[in-house]
Amino acid sequence: GGVSAILPDGKMRTTDPAGHSETTSLKPSTWFIPHAYYTQKLNDSFSVGVGEFSRFGLGFEYPHDWPGRFNIYEVSLKSASINPNIAWAATDKLSLAVGVEFVYVCLDLKKRAQMGIYPSPNPHLGDIEVDSNIQDAEDVGYGFNVAGHYQFNDQWAVGLHYRSQVRVRAFGDVQYSYEGYEGVPTPGGFPTPKQVYDTAFKDGGAHATVILPDSLAGGISWTPIPELSIDVGATWTRWSMFRGLNIHLPQPIGGSENPKPWSDTWRFTVGVDYEPVARLA
């Protein structure tokens, strides 16, 4: 068992149509992500195990008035995987494993919209901002994983691991609120800000379908002495198949399309495992 602490940090540079640039920093935050594993050997050929961990997740917040607030200003995407496996020692050197992964996902997302982007004969609504808050959009999806491990000798071993795509259809709620309507002119015969808000921005259910990407990982382990092992690895994740985050919202808005032209990624790791005394690594 264990826990990882992640401290996201970043800056976004934006340029408006007039050519003015602005740099905005993320608000400080810390995310604690637990993991736990249990294994049991059944006999000389078979073992079973189960793991709890997080493969996907994202959380950040920008100031509510930053230039990109109409795209997003706060998000929390949490996931947790439960992954039972069975492993088979095919030979003294080769082991194979297969498992099923159950992935729980929960999404909270906040963004802002300008009331004036929706059809209305009132020309004075452009500066009124509506806050959109999608809450507790959650679902459980499932996938599979396969793995192989080969022990060349007492010092060298290699492993390869594939995890499938996972499809989730998260259902939650959306709530709207608005401000800044005081003093907005309402010429005769034109709808007031409240009338436009009540007509266009309906609280209710929201849902989105997302296919989380598959990944392939490999690693090599070197054990110069029995108490010490040094590992290097690489993971390829096929983010290019994640085309967008399209959210279905109550009518008359109907939906929010967010294309994601992402690229595949590589992650490289180096680790050291040391066992100073028996039962402690």
Protein backbone atom coordinates (compact mmCIF):
# COMPACT_ATOMS: atom_id res chain seq x y z
CA GLY A 1 0.00 0.00 0.00
CA GLY A 2 1.02 3.61 -0.44
CA VAL A 3 0.05 7.09 -1.53
CA SER A 4 1.31 9.55 -4.14
CA ALA A 5 1.14 13.33 -3.75
CA ILE A 6 0.75 15.31 -6.98
CA LEU A 7 1.22 19.09 -7.08
CA PRO A 8 0.19 20.42 -10.51
CA ASP A 9 1.83 23.65 -11.62
CA GLY A 10 1.50 25.55 -14.85
CA LYS A 11 0.84 28.76 -16.71
CA MET A 12 -1.42 29.57 -19.65
CA ARG A 13 -0.61 32.32 -22.12
CA THR A 14 -3.60 33.78 -23.95
CA THR A 15 -3.87 36.38 -26.70
CA ASP A 16 -7.10 38.27 -27.43
CA PRO A 17 -8.28 39.32 -30.94
CA ALA A 18 -6.64 42.72 -30.47
CA GLY A 19 -3.25 41.06 -29.94
CA HIS A 20 -2.94 41.68 -26.19
CA SER A 21 -1.30 38.77 -24.35
CA GLU A 22 -1.79 37.70 -20.75
CA THR A 23 -0.26 34.94 -18.62
CA THR A 24 -2.35 33.20 -15.93
CA SER A 25 -1.02 30.76 -13.31
CA LEU A 26 -2.81 27.77 -11.86
CA LYS A 27 -4.00 28.08 -8.28
CA PRO A 28 -1.88 25.93 -5.90
CA SER A 29 -3.35 22.50 -5.12
CA THR A 30 -2.29 19.07 -3.85
CA TRP A 31 -3.84 15.73 -4.75
CA PHE A 32 -3.30 12.57 -2.70
CA ILE A 33 -3.75 9.34 -4.66
CA PRO A 34 -3.72 5.99 -2.77
CA HIS A 35 -2.85 2.57 -4.11
CA ALA A 36 -2.93 -0.93 -2.62
CA TYR A 37 -2.14 -4.44 -3.84
CA TYR A 38 -2.64 -7.97 -2.50
CA THR A 39 -1.39 -11.25 -3.95
CA GLN A 40 -1.85 -14.89 -2.96
CA LYS A 41 -0.06 -17.92 -4.37
CA LEU A 42 -2.51 -20.79 -4.96
CA ASN A 43 0.05 -23.43 -5.93
CA ASP A 44 3.32 -23.72 -7.85
CA SER A 45 1.63 -22.69 -11.12
CA PHE A 46 -1.09 -20.17 -10.26
CA SER A 47 -1.40 -16.97 -8.25
CA VAL A 48 -4.20 -14.44 -7.83
CA GLY A 49 -4.08 -10.77 -6.95
CA VAL A 50 -6.06 -7.56 -6.83
CA GLY A 51 -4.94 -3.95 -7.12
CA GLU A 52 -6.47 -0.55 -6.35
CA PHE A 53 -4.93 2.44 -8.10
CA SER A 54 -5.67 5.43 -10.33
CA ARG A 55 -4.69 5.54 -14.01
CA PHE A 56 -6.51 8.73 -14.97
CA GLY A 57 -7.12 11.98 -13.18
CA LEU A 58 -6.88 15.73 -13.49
CA GLY A 59 -7.54 18.65 -11.21
CA PHE A 60 -6.78 22.35 -11.51
CA GLU A 61 -8.30 25.77 -10.99
CA TYR A 62 -7.73 29.14 -12.63
CA PRO A 63 -9.03 32.48 -11.32
CA HIS A 64 -12.72 32.89 -12.13
CA ASP A 65 -12.04 35.95 -14.29
CA TRP A 66 -9.15 34.55 -16.36
CA PRO A 67 -9.44 34.96 -20.19
CA GLY A 68 -10.11 31.26 -20.74
CA ARG A 69 -13.03 31.05 -18.32
CA PHE A 70 -15.49 30.47 -21.19
CA ASN A 71 -13.61 27.23 -21.94
CA ILE A 72 -13.00 26.15 -18.34
CA TYR A 73 -11.86 27.58 -15.02
CA GLU A 74 -12.06 24.62 -12.63
CA VAL A 75 -12.08 20.84 -13.10
CA SER A 76 -11.79 17.73 -10.99
CA LEU A 77 -11.64 14.37 -12.76
CA LYS A 78 -11.14 11.53 -10.29
CA SER A 79 -10.83 7.85 -11.11
CA ALA A 80 -10.16 4.66 -9.18
CA SER A 81 -9.46 1.22 -10.64
CA ILE A 82 -10.10 -2.17 -9.04
CA ASN A 83 -8.13 -4.79 -10.96
CA PRO A 84 -8.30 -8.53 -10.07
CA ASN A 85 -5.80 -10.76 -11.90
CA ILE A 86 -4.76 -14.37 -12.25
CA ALA A 87 -1.17 -15.31 -13.12
CA TRP A 88 0.23 -18.53 -14.53
CA ALA A 89 3.83 -19.70 -14.30
CA ALA A 90 4.11 -21.27 -17.74
CA THR A 91 7.76 -22.25 -17.14
CA ASP A 92 10.41 -21.55 -14.56
CA LYS A 93 11.23 -18.36 -16.45
CA LEU A 94 7.99 -17.24 -18.11
CA SER A 95 4.87 -15.95 -16.32
CA LEU A 96 1.64 -14.76 -17.97
CA ALA A 97 -1.28 -12.89 -16.43
CA VAL A 98 -4.74 -11.62 -17.35
CA GLY A 99 -7.17 -9.41 -15.45
CA VAL A 100 -10.34 -7.35 -15.51
CA GLU A 101 -10.25 -3.65 -14.63
CA PHE A 102 -13.26 -1.82 -13.19
CA VAL A 103 -12.82 1.97 -13.43
CA TYR A 104 -14.91 4.43 -11.39
CA VAL A 105 -14.91 7.99 -12.77
CA CYS A 106 -16.32 11.19 -11.24
CA LEU A 107 -16.19 14.57 -13.01
CA ASP A 108 -16.84 18.11 -11.73
CA LEU A 109 -16.39 20.93 -14.24
CA LYS A 110 -16.97 24.67 -14.09
CA LYS A 111 -16.96 27.19 -16.93
CA ARG A 112 -18.65 30.45 -17.82
CA ALA A 113 -20.72 31.59 -20.79
CA GLN A 114 -21.85 34.97 -22.09
CA MET A 115 -25.60 35.34 -22.09
CA GLY A 116 -25.38 37.32 -25.32
CA ILE A 117 -24.20 34.32 -27.34
CA TYR A 118 -27.72 32.90 -27.20
CA PRO A 119 -30.37 34.24 -29.62
CA SER A 120 -32.03 37.30 -28.18
CA PRO A 121 -33.11 40.64 -29.68
CA ASN A 122 -31.69 42.44 -26.63
CA PRO A 123 -28.24 43.76 -27.74
CA HIS A 124 -27.13 44.56 -24.17
CA LEU A 125 -26.69 41.02 -22.83
CA GLY A 126 -23.14 40.37 -24.05
CA ASP A 127 -21.44 41.38 -20.79
CA ILE A 128 -23.61 39.18 -18.56
CA GLU A 129 -21.78 35.99 -17.57
CA VAL A 130 -23.55 32.76 -16.69
CA ASP A 131 -21.79 30.24 -14.46
CA SER A 132 -22.10 26.58 -15.51
CA ASN A 133 -21.38 23.96 -12.84
CA ILE A 134 -21.45 20.27 -13.76
CA GLN A 135 -21.41 18.15 -10.60
CA ASP A 136 -20.91 14.49 -9.71
CA ALA A 137 -20.99 13.10 -13.25
CA GLU A 138 -20.01 9.50 -12.52
CA ASP A 139 -19.98 6.00 -13.97
CA VAL A 140 -18.16 2.67 -13.79
CA GLY A 141 -16.56 1.25 -16.93
CA TYR A 142 -14.56 -1.90 -17.45
CA GLY A 143 -11.67 -3.17 -19.53
CA PHE A 144 -9.00 -5.86 -19.45
CA ASN A 145 -5.26 -6.21 -19.09
CA VAL A 146 -2.69 -8.82 -20.14
CA ALA A 147 0.93 -9.10 -19.06
CA GLY A 148 4.03 -11.21 -19.44
CA HIS A 149 7.23 -11.51 -17.39
CA TYR A 150 10.43 -13.32 -18.36
CA GLN A 151 13.29 -14.02 -15.96
CA PHE A 152 16.49 -14.48 -17.96
CA ASN A 153 18.61 -15.30 -14.90
CA ASP A 154 19.05 -14.22 -11.28
CA GLN A 155 19.97 -10.68 -12.36
CA TRP A 156 17.92 -9.77 -15.44
CA ALA A 157 14.19 -9.78 -16.11
CA VAL A 158 11.81 -8.08 -18.55
CA GLY A 159 8.08 -7.38 -18.46
CA LEU A 160 5.39 -6.21 -20.89
CA HIS A 161 1.88 -5.04 -20.01
CA TYR A 162 -1.16 -3.92 -22.05
CA ARG A 163 -4.31 -2.21 -20.72
CA SER A 164 -7.40 -1.84 -22.92
CA GLN A 165 -9.57 1.16 -23.55
CA VAL A 166 -12.37 1.83 -21.05
CA ARG A 167 -15.69 3.36 -22.06
CA VAL A 168 -17.55 5.40 -19.43
CA ARG A 169 -20.85 7.24 -19.73
CA ALA A 170 -20.98 9.62 -16.81
CA PHE A 171 -24.31 11.05 -15.60
CA GLY A 172 -24.53 14.08 -13.31
CA ASP A 173 -26.27 17.43 -12.90
CA VAL A 174 -25.70 20.93 -14.22
CA GLN A 175 -26.58 24.08 -12.31
CA TYR A 176 -26.49 27.63 -13.69
CA SER A 177 -26.22 31.01 -11.99
CA TYR A 178 -25.60 34.52 -13.29
CA GLU A 179 -24.50 37.93 -12.08
CA GLY A 180 -23.77 41.36 -13.43
CA TYR A 181 -27.26 42.04 -14.74
CA GLU A 182 -27.84 45.11 -12.57
CA GLY A 183 -28.09 48.21 -14.71
CA VAL A 184 -28.32 46.36 -18.03
CA PRO A 185 -30.61 48.42 -20.34
CA THR A 186 -33.78 46.68 -21.46
CA PRO A 187 -35.31 48.68 -24.32
CA GLY A 188 -39.03 48.46 -24.76
CA GLY A 189 -40.21 45.14 -26.10
CA PHE A 190 -36.86 43.40 -25.52
CA PRO A 191 -36.59 40.49 -23.06
CA THR A 192 -34.93 41.22 -19.73
CA PRO A 193 -31.79 39.33 -18.64
CA LYS A 194 -33.90 37.26 -16.25
CA GLN A 195 -36.31 36.29 -19.01
CA VAL A 196 -33.44 35.16 -21.27
CA TYR A 197 -31.81 33.29 -18.38
CA ASP A 198 -35.03 31.53 -17.38
CA THR A 199 -35.69 30.53 -20.99
CA ALA A 200 -32.22 29.32 -22.06
CA PHE A 201 -30.39 28.09 -18.94
CA LYS A 202 -32.22 25.12 -17.45
CA ASP A 203 -30.81 23.17 -14.51
CA GLY A 204 -31.07 19.42 -14.90
CA GLY A 205 -29.27 16.28 -15.90
CA ALA A 206 -26.00 16.26 -17.84
CA HIS A 207 -24.06 13.37 -19.28
CA ALA A 208 -20.99 12.64 -21.38
CA THR A 209 -19.49 9.55 -22.98
CA VAL A 210 -15.71 9.24 -22.84
CA ILE A 211 -13.41 6.46 -24.05
CA LEU A 212 -10.31 6.39 -21.86
CA PRO A 213 -7.25 5.36 -23.90
CA ASP A 214 -5.39 2.07 -23.94
CA SER A 215 -1.72 1.85 -22.98
CA LEU A 216 1.32 -0.38 -23.42
CA ALA A 217 4.09 -0.53 -20.83
CA GLY A 218 7.42 -2.35 -20.69
CA GLY A 219 10.34 -2.53 -18.31
CA ILE A 220 13.70 -4.13 -17.57
CA SER A 221 14.92 -5.05 -14.10
CA TRP A 222 18.54 -5.59 -12.99
CA THR A 223 19.28 -7.21 -9.62
CA PRO A 224 23.04 -6.94 -8.93
CA ILE A 225 22.60 -8.30 -5.38
CA PRO A 226 19.56 -10.05 -3.85
CA GLU A 227 18.63 -7.02 -1.74
CA LEU A 228 18.75 -4.46 -4.57
CA SER A 229 16.99 -4.09 -7.92
CA ILE A 230 17.13 -1.25 -10.43
CA ASP A 231 14.30 -0.82 -12.93
CA VAL A 232 13.76 1.25 -16.06
CA GLY A 233 10.47 1.42 -17.91
CA ALA A 234 8.39 3.19 -20.54
CA THR A 235 4.64 3.61 -21.02
CA TRP A 236 2.91 4.57 -24.26
CA THR A 237 -0.64 5.95 -23.97
CA ARG A 238 -2.82 6.38 -27.05
CA TRP A 239 -4.35 9.78 -26.25
CA SER A 240 -4.86 10.47 -29.96
CA MET A 241 -8.08 8.42 -29.89
CA PHE A 242 -9.58 10.77 -27.25
CA ARG A 243 -11.28 13.09 -29.73
CA GLY A 244 -13.25 15.33 -27.42
CA LEU A 245 -15.34 15.88 -24.31
CA ASN A 246 -18.86 16.48 -25.58
CA ILE A 247 -21.38 17.11 -22.81
CA HIS A 248 -25.14 16.74 -23.29
CA LEU A 249 -27.08 19.45 -21.44
CA PRO A 250 -30.77 20.28 -21.00
CA GLN A 251 -32.54 22.03 -23.86
CA PRO A 252 -32.52 24.59 -25.35
CA ILE A 253 -28.72 24.71 -24.96
CA GLY A 254 -28.53 21.00 -25.69
CA GLY A 255 -24.81 20.45 -25.44
CA SER A 256 -21.24 21.64 -25.15
CA GLU A 257 -18.65 20.42 -27.66
CA ASN A 258 -15.00 20.42 -26.59
CA PRO A 259 -12.69 18.94 -29.29
CA LYS A 260 -9.40 17.51 -28.01
CA PRO A 261 -6.77 17.13 -30.75
CA TRP A 262 -4.37 15.34 -28.41
CA SER A 263 -1.26 13.36 -29.29
CA ASP A 264 0.02 10.02 -28.06
CA THR A 265 2.44 10.28 -25.14
CA TRP A 266 5.46 8.45 -23.75
CA ARG A 267 6.36 8.33 -20.06
CA PHE A 268 9.77 7.07 -18.90
CA THR A 269 10.54 5.91 -15.37
CA VAL A 270 13.51 4.80 -13.29
CA GLY A 271 13.12 3.09 -9.92
CA VAL A 272 15.25 1.47 -7.22
CA ASP A 273 14.00 -1.21 -4.81
CA TYR A 274 16.09 -1.96 -1.73
CA GLU A 275 15.42 -4.45 1.07
CA PRO A 276 17.61 -3.48 4.05
CA VAL A 277 16.14 -6.14 6.35
CA ALA A 278 13.74 -9.04 5.91
CA ARG A 279 10.08 -8.00 5.43
CA LEU A 280 10.97 -4.34 4.79
CA ALA A 281 11.52 -3.04 1.24
